[in-house]
Amino acid sequence: MSDEMKAFVRQWITKAEEDLMVANQLMKIEYPPKGTIGFHYQQSAEKFLKAFLLYHDVDIPRTHNIEFLLEKAKKFDPGLGEIDPGNLTDYGVEARYPGDFLEPSLNELSTLLNIVEDIKNIVSSRVKF
C-alpha cells in the first residue's frame, strides 16, 4: 500500500472518529438532538467501513447503506458479517430531512452506539500500518 493510500485511509478513520466523538458529546447535553446523534453514529460506521474496504484495496461505492458495506467487508473479516446493523442505515439520509425525520429513543441510540463500537473495534484491530 502506498504512503498516499495509507494517509487516505487514516483520514477516513479520523473522520469516523470525529463523527463518533461529536455524537457522544451531544449525548451529554440535557436535551440531546437524537436524530442528529443517530446521523453521526451512522456516518461514523460508514466511514470506518469505507476505511476498512480501502485498506483492503476495494473501491468504495457511493452509498450510505451499512448492510451493503458490512456485506462487502465481511470477506476480509467474518466478524463484520456477524454485526446486526439494525436500522443504522436509516439515519444516514432519512433522519436529515423534514417529513422523513427519525427520532430514536435514548435506548435505541445506545444500541446504535454499540453497533458503531463493534465496527470500530474490528476495523481498529485489523487496519495496521
N, C-alpha and C. Protein backbone atom coordinates (compact mmCIF):
# COMPACT_ATOMS: atom_id res chain seq x y z
N MET A 1 0.85 -1.17 0.00
CA MET A 1 0.00 0.00 0.00
C MET A 1 0.89 1.24 0.00
N SER A 2 0.58 2.17 -0.88
CA SER A 2 1.39 3.39 -0.98
C SER A 2 1.20 4.27 0.25
N ASP A 3 2.15 5.14 0.46
CA ASP A 3 2.05 6.09 1.57
C ASP A 3 0.83 6.99 1.41
N GLU A 4 0.52 7.36 0.16
CA GLU A 4 -0.65 8.21 -0.09
C GLU A 4 -1.94 7.49 0.30
N MET A 5 -2.03 6.20 -0.03
CA MET A 5 -3.23 5.44 0.31
C MET A 5 -3.32 5.26 1.82
N LYS A 6 -2.19 5.01 2.48
CA LYS A 6 -2.21 4.90 3.94
C LYS A 6 -2.73 6.20 4.56
N ALA A 7 -2.27 7.32 4.05
CA ALA A 7 -2.73 8.61 4.57
C ALA A 7 -4.23 8.79 4.32
N PHE A 8 -4.69 8.34 3.17
CA PHE A 8 -6.11 8.47 2.83
C PHE A 8 -6.97 7.61 3.77
N VAL A 9 -6.54 6.39 4.02
CA VAL A 9 -7.26 5.50 4.95
C VAL A 9 -7.28 6.13 6.34
N ARG A 10 -6.15 6.67 6.76
CA ARG A 10 -6.10 7.34 8.08
C ARG A 10 -7.08 8.51 8.15
N GLN A 11 -7.22 9.24 7.04
CA GLN A 11 -8.17 10.37 7.02
C GLN A 11 -9.60 9.86 7.21
N TRP A 12 -9.94 8.76 6.56
CA TRP A 12 -11.28 8.18 6.74
C TRP A 12 -11.49 7.78 8.21
N ILE A 13 -10.49 7.18 8.81
CA ILE A 13 -10.60 6.76 10.21
C ILE A 13 -10.73 7.98 11.12
N THR A 14 -9.96 9.01 10.85
CA THR A 14 -10.04 10.24 11.65
C THR A 14 -11.44 10.83 11.56
N LYS A 15 -12.00 10.89 10.36
CA LYS A 15 -13.36 11.42 10.19
C LYS A 15 -14.39 10.55 10.91
N ALA A 16 -14.20 9.24 10.85
CA ALA A 16 -15.10 8.33 11.55
C ALA A 16 -15.05 8.58 13.06
N GLU A 17 -13.84 8.75 13.57
CA GLU A 17 -13.68 9.02 15.00
C GLU A 17 -14.28 10.36 15.39
N GLU A 18 -14.17 11.35 14.50
CA GLU A 18 -14.77 12.66 14.77
C GLU A 18 -16.29 12.56 14.85
N ASP A 19 -16.91 11.84 13.93
CA ASP A 19 -18.37 11.67 13.98
C ASP A 19 -18.78 10.98 15.27
N LEU A 20 -18.03 9.97 15.67
CA LEU A 20 -18.34 9.27 16.91
C LEU A 20 -18.18 10.20 18.11
N MET A 21 -17.13 10.99 18.13
CA MET A 21 -16.90 11.93 19.22
C MET A 21 -18.02 12.97 19.31
N VAL A 22 -18.42 13.51 18.16
CA VAL A 22 -19.50 14.51 18.14
C VAL A 22 -20.78 13.91 18.71
N ALA A 23 -21.14 12.71 18.24
CA ALA A 23 -22.36 12.06 18.73
C ALA A 23 -22.28 11.84 20.24
N ASN A 24 -21.16 11.35 20.71
CA ASN A 24 -21.02 11.08 22.14
C ASN A 24 -21.07 12.36 22.97
N GLN A 25 -20.52 13.45 22.46
CA GLN A 25 -20.59 14.73 23.17
C GLN A 25 -22.04 15.24 23.22
N LEU A 26 -22.74 15.10 22.11
CA LEU A 26 -24.14 15.54 22.06
C LEU A 26 -25.02 14.74 23.03
N MET A 27 -24.66 13.49 23.27
CA MET A 27 -25.43 12.66 24.21
C MET A 27 -25.36 13.21 25.63
N LYS A 28 -24.37 14.02 25.92
CA LYS A 28 -24.17 14.52 27.28
C LYS A 28 -24.99 15.74 27.63
N ILE A 29 -25.62 16.38 26.64
CA ILE A 29 -26.37 17.59 26.95
C ILE A 29 -27.77 17.24 27.46
N GLU A 30 -28.40 18.19 28.11
CA GLU A 30 -29.68 17.92 28.78
C GLU A 30 -30.76 17.41 27.83
N TYR A 31 -30.91 18.03 26.70
CA TYR A 31 -31.90 17.60 25.71
C TYR A 31 -31.17 17.27 24.41
N PRO A 32 -30.63 16.07 24.33
CA PRO A 32 -29.81 15.73 23.16
C PRO A 32 -30.62 15.69 21.87
N PRO A 33 -30.05 16.19 20.79
CA PRO A 33 -30.71 16.14 19.47
C PRO A 33 -30.57 14.72 18.91
N LYS A 34 -31.53 13.87 19.23
CA LYS A 34 -31.40 12.44 18.98
C LYS A 34 -31.26 12.08 17.50
N GLY A 35 -31.98 12.75 16.63
CA GLY A 35 -31.85 12.47 15.20
C GLY A 35 -30.46 12.79 14.69
N THR A 36 -29.91 13.89 15.16
CA THR A 36 -28.56 14.29 14.76
C THR A 36 -27.53 13.31 15.30
N ILE A 37 -27.74 12.84 16.50
CA ILE A 37 -26.83 11.85 17.08
C ILE A 37 -26.87 10.56 16.26
N GLY A 38 -28.08 10.13 15.89
CA GLY A 38 -28.21 8.95 15.04
C GLY A 38 -27.48 9.13 13.72
N PHE A 39 -27.58 10.33 13.15
CA PHE A 39 -26.88 10.63 11.90
C PHE A 39 -25.36 10.47 12.07
N HIS A 40 -24.82 11.03 13.14
CA HIS A 40 -23.37 10.94 13.35
C HIS A 40 -22.92 9.51 13.65
N TYR A 41 -23.76 8.73 14.33
CA TYR A 41 -23.42 7.31 14.53
C TYR A 41 -23.39 6.59 13.19
N GLN A 42 -24.37 6.85 12.33
CA GLN A 42 -24.39 6.22 11.02
C GLN A 42 -23.16 6.63 10.21
N GLN A 43 -22.85 7.91 10.23
CA GLN A 43 -21.70 8.41 9.48
C GLN A 43 -20.40 7.79 9.98
N SER A 44 -20.29 7.63 11.28
CA SER A 44 -19.09 7.02 11.85
C SER A 44 -18.94 5.58 11.36
N ALA A 45 -20.01 4.80 11.46
CA ALA A 45 -19.96 3.41 11.00
C ALA A 45 -19.61 3.34 9.52
N GLU A 46 -20.25 4.18 8.72
CA GLU A 46 -19.99 4.21 7.28
C GLU A 46 -18.52 4.49 6.98
N LYS A 47 -17.96 5.47 7.66
CA LYS A 47 -16.57 5.85 7.40
C LYS A 47 -15.58 4.80 7.88
N PHE A 48 -15.86 4.17 9.03
CA PHE A 48 -14.99 3.08 9.47
C PHE A 48 -14.99 1.96 8.44
N LEU A 49 -16.18 1.61 7.94
CA LEU A 49 -16.27 0.52 6.97
C LEU A 49 -15.60 0.89 5.64
N LYS A 50 -15.77 2.12 5.21
CA LYS A 50 -15.12 2.54 3.96
C LYS A 50 -13.60 2.56 4.11
N ALA A 51 -13.11 2.97 5.27
CA ALA A 51 -11.67 2.93 5.52
C ALA A 51 -11.17 1.49 5.45
N PHE A 52 -11.92 0.57 6.04
CA PHE A 52 -11.57 -0.84 6.04
C PHE A 52 -11.52 -1.39 4.62
N LEU A 53 -12.50 -1.04 3.81
CA LEU A 53 -12.53 -1.50 2.42
C LEU A 53 -11.37 -0.91 1.62
N LEU A 54 -11.10 0.36 1.81
CA LEU A 54 -9.96 0.98 1.13
C LEU A 54 -8.65 0.30 1.52
N TYR A 55 -8.52 0.00 2.79
CA TYR A 55 -7.33 -0.69 3.30
C TYR A 55 -7.12 -2.02 2.57
N HIS A 56 -8.23 -2.65 2.21
CA HIS A 56 -8.18 -3.92 1.50
C HIS A 56 -8.27 -3.75 -0.01
N ASP A 57 -8.00 -2.52 -0.46
CA ASP A 57 -7.92 -2.21 -1.89
C ASP A 57 -9.23 -2.43 -2.63
N VAL A 58 -10.33 -2.15 -1.95
CA VAL A 58 -11.66 -2.25 -2.56
C VAL A 58 -12.14 -0.83 -2.85
N ASP A 59 -12.56 -0.60 -4.08
CA ASP A 59 -13.14 0.70 -4.41
C ASP A 59 -14.40 0.88 -3.58
N ILE A 60 -14.51 2.03 -2.94
CA ILE A 60 -15.67 2.24 -2.09
C ILE A 60 -16.81 2.83 -2.91
N PRO A 61 -17.96 2.22 -2.81
CA PRO A 61 -19.12 2.72 -3.55
C PRO A 61 -19.71 3.95 -2.90
N ARG A 62 -20.43 4.71 -3.68
CA ARG A 62 -21.15 5.86 -3.14
C ARG A 62 -22.46 5.35 -2.56
N THR A 63 -22.41 5.06 -1.28
CA THR A 63 -23.59 4.53 -0.60
C THR A 63 -23.52 4.90 0.87
N HIS A 64 -24.69 4.96 1.48
CA HIS A 64 -24.79 5.15 2.93
C HIS A 64 -25.27 3.86 3.58
N ASN A 65 -25.43 2.81 2.80
CA ASN A 65 -26.03 1.57 3.24
C ASN A 65 -25.04 0.72 4.05
N ILE A 66 -25.26 0.68 5.35
CA ILE A 66 -24.36 -0.04 6.25
C ILE A 66 -24.42 -1.54 5.99
N GLU A 67 -25.60 -2.08 5.69
CA GLU A 67 -25.72 -3.51 5.40
C GLU A 67 -24.86 -3.89 4.20
N PHE A 68 -24.91 -3.08 3.16
CA PHE A 68 -24.13 -3.31 1.94
C PHE A 68 -22.63 -3.28 2.25
N LEU A 69 -22.21 -2.29 3.02
CA LEU A 69 -20.79 -2.16 3.36
C LEU A 69 -20.32 -3.32 4.23
N LEU A 70 -21.15 -3.74 5.18
CA LEU A 70 -20.79 -4.89 6.01
C LEU A 70 -20.67 -6.15 5.15
N GLU A 71 -21.57 -6.30 4.19
CA GLU A 71 -21.53 -7.46 3.30
C GLU A 71 -20.22 -7.50 2.52
N LYS A 72 -19.78 -6.36 2.00
CA LYS A 72 -18.52 -6.29 1.26
C LYS A 72 -17.32 -6.54 2.19
N ALA A 73 -17.42 -6.03 3.41
CA ALA A 73 -16.28 -6.10 4.34
C ALA A 73 -16.12 -7.46 4.99
N LYS A 74 -17.20 -8.22 5.08
CA LYS A 74 -17.11 -9.49 5.81
C LYS A 74 -16.19 -10.51 5.15
N LYS A 75 -15.91 -10.35 3.86
CA LYS A 75 -14.99 -11.32 3.24
C LYS A 75 -13.55 -11.10 3.71
N PHE A 76 -13.28 -9.94 4.31
CA PHE A 76 -11.95 -9.67 4.86
C PHE A 76 -11.91 -9.91 6.37
N ASP A 77 -13.08 -9.88 7.00
CA ASP A 77 -13.19 -10.22 8.42
C ASP A 77 -14.60 -10.72 8.68
N PRO A 78 -14.77 -12.02 8.90
CA PRO A 78 -16.10 -12.58 9.12
C PRO A 78 -16.84 -11.97 10.30
N GLY A 79 -16.10 -11.41 11.25
CA GLY A 79 -16.74 -10.77 12.40
C GLY A 79 -17.65 -9.62 11.99
N LEU A 80 -17.29 -8.94 10.92
CA LEU A 80 -18.13 -7.84 10.43
C LEU A 80 -19.45 -8.37 9.88
N GLY A 81 -19.46 -9.60 9.40
CA GLY A 81 -20.69 -10.21 8.90
C GLY A 81 -21.64 -10.62 10.01
N GLU A 82 -21.12 -10.69 11.22
CA GLU A 82 -21.95 -11.07 12.37
C GLU A 82 -22.62 -9.88 13.03
N ILE A 83 -22.26 -8.69 12.62
CA ILE A 83 -22.84 -7.48 13.21
C ILE A 83 -24.22 -7.22 12.61
N ASP A 84 -25.20 -7.07 13.47
CA ASP A 84 -26.54 -6.71 13.03
C ASP A 84 -26.62 -5.18 13.06
N PRO A 85 -26.71 -4.53 11.89
CA PRO A 85 -26.71 -3.07 11.87
C PRO A 85 -28.04 -2.44 12.28
N GLY A 86 -29.03 -3.27 12.59
CA GLY A 86 -30.32 -2.70 12.96
C GLY A 86 -30.80 -1.75 11.88
N ASN A 87 -31.28 -0.59 12.29
CA ASN A 87 -31.74 0.42 11.33
C ASN A 87 -30.75 1.58 11.20
N LEU A 88 -29.48 1.31 11.46
CA LEU A 88 -28.45 2.35 11.41
C LEU A 88 -28.43 3.07 10.07
N THR A 89 -28.61 2.34 8.98
CA THR A 89 -28.60 2.95 7.65
C THR A 89 -29.62 4.08 7.53
N ASP A 90 -30.77 3.90 8.16
CA ASP A 90 -31.85 4.89 8.06
C ASP A 90 -31.42 6.28 8.52
N TYR A 91 -30.45 6.34 9.40
CA TYR A 91 -30.04 7.63 9.94
C TYR A 91 -29.07 8.38 9.03
N GLY A 92 -28.62 7.74 7.95
CA GLY A 92 -27.70 8.39 7.03
C GLY A 92 -28.35 9.43 6.15
N VAL A 93 -29.60 9.23 5.81
CA VAL A 93 -30.30 10.16 4.92
C VAL A 93 -31.64 10.57 5.51
N GLU A 94 -32.45 9.58 5.85
CA GLU A 94 -33.83 9.87 6.27
C GLU A 94 -33.92 10.79 7.47
N ALA A 95 -32.98 10.67 8.38
CA ALA A 95 -33.04 11.48 9.60
C ALA A 95 -32.64 12.93 9.35
N ARG A 96 -32.18 13.24 8.16
CA ARG A 96 -31.66 14.58 7.89
C ARG A 96 -32.67 15.53 7.28
N TYR A 97 -33.83 15.03 6.88
CA TYR A 97 -34.77 15.88 6.16
C TYR A 97 -36.15 15.86 6.80
N PRO A 98 -36.82 17.01 6.80
CA PRO A 98 -38.19 17.06 7.34
C PRO A 98 -39.10 16.10 6.58
N GLY A 99 -40.07 15.57 7.29
CA GLY A 99 -41.01 14.65 6.68
C GLY A 99 -40.57 13.21 6.84
N ASP A 100 -39.28 12.97 6.81
CA ASP A 100 -38.74 11.62 7.00
C ASP A 100 -37.99 11.54 8.32
N PHE A 101 -38.22 12.51 9.18
CA PHE A 101 -37.42 12.64 10.39
C PHE A 101 -37.58 11.44 11.30
N LEU A 102 -36.47 10.84 11.64
CA LEU A 102 -36.45 9.74 12.59
C LEU A 102 -36.05 10.28 13.95
N GLU A 103 -36.78 9.90 14.95
CA GLU A 103 -36.48 10.35 16.31
C GLU A 103 -36.25 9.11 17.17
N PRO A 104 -35.00 8.69 17.30
CA PRO A 104 -34.72 7.49 18.10
C PRO A 104 -34.88 7.76 19.59
N SER A 105 -35.17 6.71 20.31
CA SER A 105 -35.20 6.82 21.77
C SER A 105 -33.75 6.77 22.27
N LEU A 106 -33.58 7.11 23.53
CA LEU A 106 -32.23 7.03 24.11
C LEU A 106 -31.75 5.58 24.14
N ASN A 107 -32.67 4.64 24.34
CA ASN A 107 -32.28 3.23 24.31
C ASN A 107 -31.82 2.82 22.92
N GLU A 108 -32.52 3.31 21.89
CA GLU A 108 -32.10 3.00 20.53
C GLU A 108 -30.74 3.60 20.22
N LEU A 109 -30.50 4.82 20.69
CA LEU A 109 -29.18 5.43 20.49
C LEU A 109 -28.09 4.62 21.16
N SER A 110 -28.39 4.06 22.31
CA SER A 110 -27.42 3.21 22.99
C SER A 110 -27.10 1.97 22.14
N THR A 111 -28.13 1.41 21.52
CA THR A 111 -27.94 0.26 20.62
C THR A 111 -27.10 0.66 19.42
N LEU A 112 -27.40 1.83 18.83
CA LEU A 112 -26.63 2.30 17.68
C LEU A 112 -25.17 2.50 18.06
N LEU A 113 -24.93 3.07 19.22
CA LEU A 113 -23.55 3.26 19.69
C LEU A 113 -22.82 1.92 19.79
N ASN A 114 -23.50 0.91 20.32
CA ASN A 114 -22.88 -0.42 20.45
C ASN A 114 -22.50 -0.98 19.07
N ILE A 115 -23.35 -0.76 18.07
CA ILE A 115 -23.06 -1.22 16.71
C ILE A 115 -21.82 -0.53 16.19
N VAL A 116 -21.78 0.79 16.36
CA VAL A 116 -20.62 1.56 15.87
C VAL A 116 -19.35 1.11 16.59
N GLU A 117 -19.44 0.92 17.88
CA GLU A 117 -18.26 0.48 18.65
C GLU A 117 -17.79 -0.89 18.19
N ASP A 118 -18.72 -1.79 17.88
CA ASP A 118 -18.33 -3.11 17.37
C ASP A 118 -17.58 -2.98 16.05
N ILE A 119 -18.10 -2.14 15.15
CA ILE A 119 -17.44 -1.92 13.86
C ILE A 119 -16.07 -1.29 14.08
N LYS A 120 -16.02 -0.26 14.91
CA LYS A 120 -14.75 0.43 15.18
C LYS A 120 -13.72 -0.53 15.73
N ASN A 121 -14.11 -1.37 16.68
CA ASN A 121 -13.16 -2.28 17.30
C ASN A 121 -12.56 -3.26 16.30
N ILE A 122 -13.39 -3.79 15.41
CA ILE A 122 -12.87 -4.72 14.41
C ILE A 122 -11.96 -3.99 13.44
N VAL A 123 -12.42 -2.85 12.94
CA VAL A 123 -11.60 -2.09 11.98
C VAL A 123 -10.28 -1.69 12.62
N SER A 124 -10.32 -1.17 13.83
CA SER A 124 -9.10 -0.73 14.50
C SER A 124 -8.12 -1.88 14.74
N SER A 125 -8.65 -3.07 14.98
CA SER A 125 -7.76 -4.20 15.24
C SER A 125 -7.17 -4.77 13.95
N ARG A 126 -7.78 -4.46 12.81
CA ARG A 126 -7.32 -5.05 11.53
C ARG A 126 -6.54 -4.07 10.65
N VAL A 127 -6.80 -2.79 10.78
CA VAL A 127 -6.11 -1.81 9.95
C VAL A 127 -4.83 -1.41 10.65
N LYS A 128 -3.74 -1.94 10.14
CA LYS A 128 -2.43 -1.71 10.73
C LYS A 128 -1.47 -1.21 9.67
N PHE A 129 -0.66 -0.25 10.03
CA PHE A 129 0.34 0.28 9.07
C PHE A 129 1.73 0.06 9.60
